[in-house]
Amino acid sequence: MQAKITHRPDLRSKKENLPGLEIRFEQRPVVAVRKMLTAVGFRWSRGHQCWYAWAKPERLYVANQIREMGNDIQPDTEPLPPRPKTARGPGDLTKKRRTRKPARKSAPKP
């Protein structure tokens, strides 16, 4: 399984002015390759279906290692874990909604 590595000079980090780096696989790679990517700071983009990071030297080194692996990278055959059925986070629908207390009515003025 080949990995396609793309340098993105149009995307630049604000602090260090580094170009972006993207790695795409034909299928999901084995756990060892995914852990190697996350260990140096790559993140998975579900929307773009790629691993991405700013192009620091250690990340370029790992990207070149993956490129050299070429067809030796095996696809992961284990099924994906099931997704949770309930919403998570601040909009969690399983929590009881807060309701406002009615405003106090002041005594009528004489």
Foldseek 3Di string as FASTA:
>chain_A
DFKDKDWALVDADPPPRFTKIKIADPAAFDPVLVVQLVVVPWDADPVVRITMDGDDPVNVVSVVVRNVCGPVTDHDPDDDDDDDPFDDDPVTPVDDDDDDDDDDDDDDDD
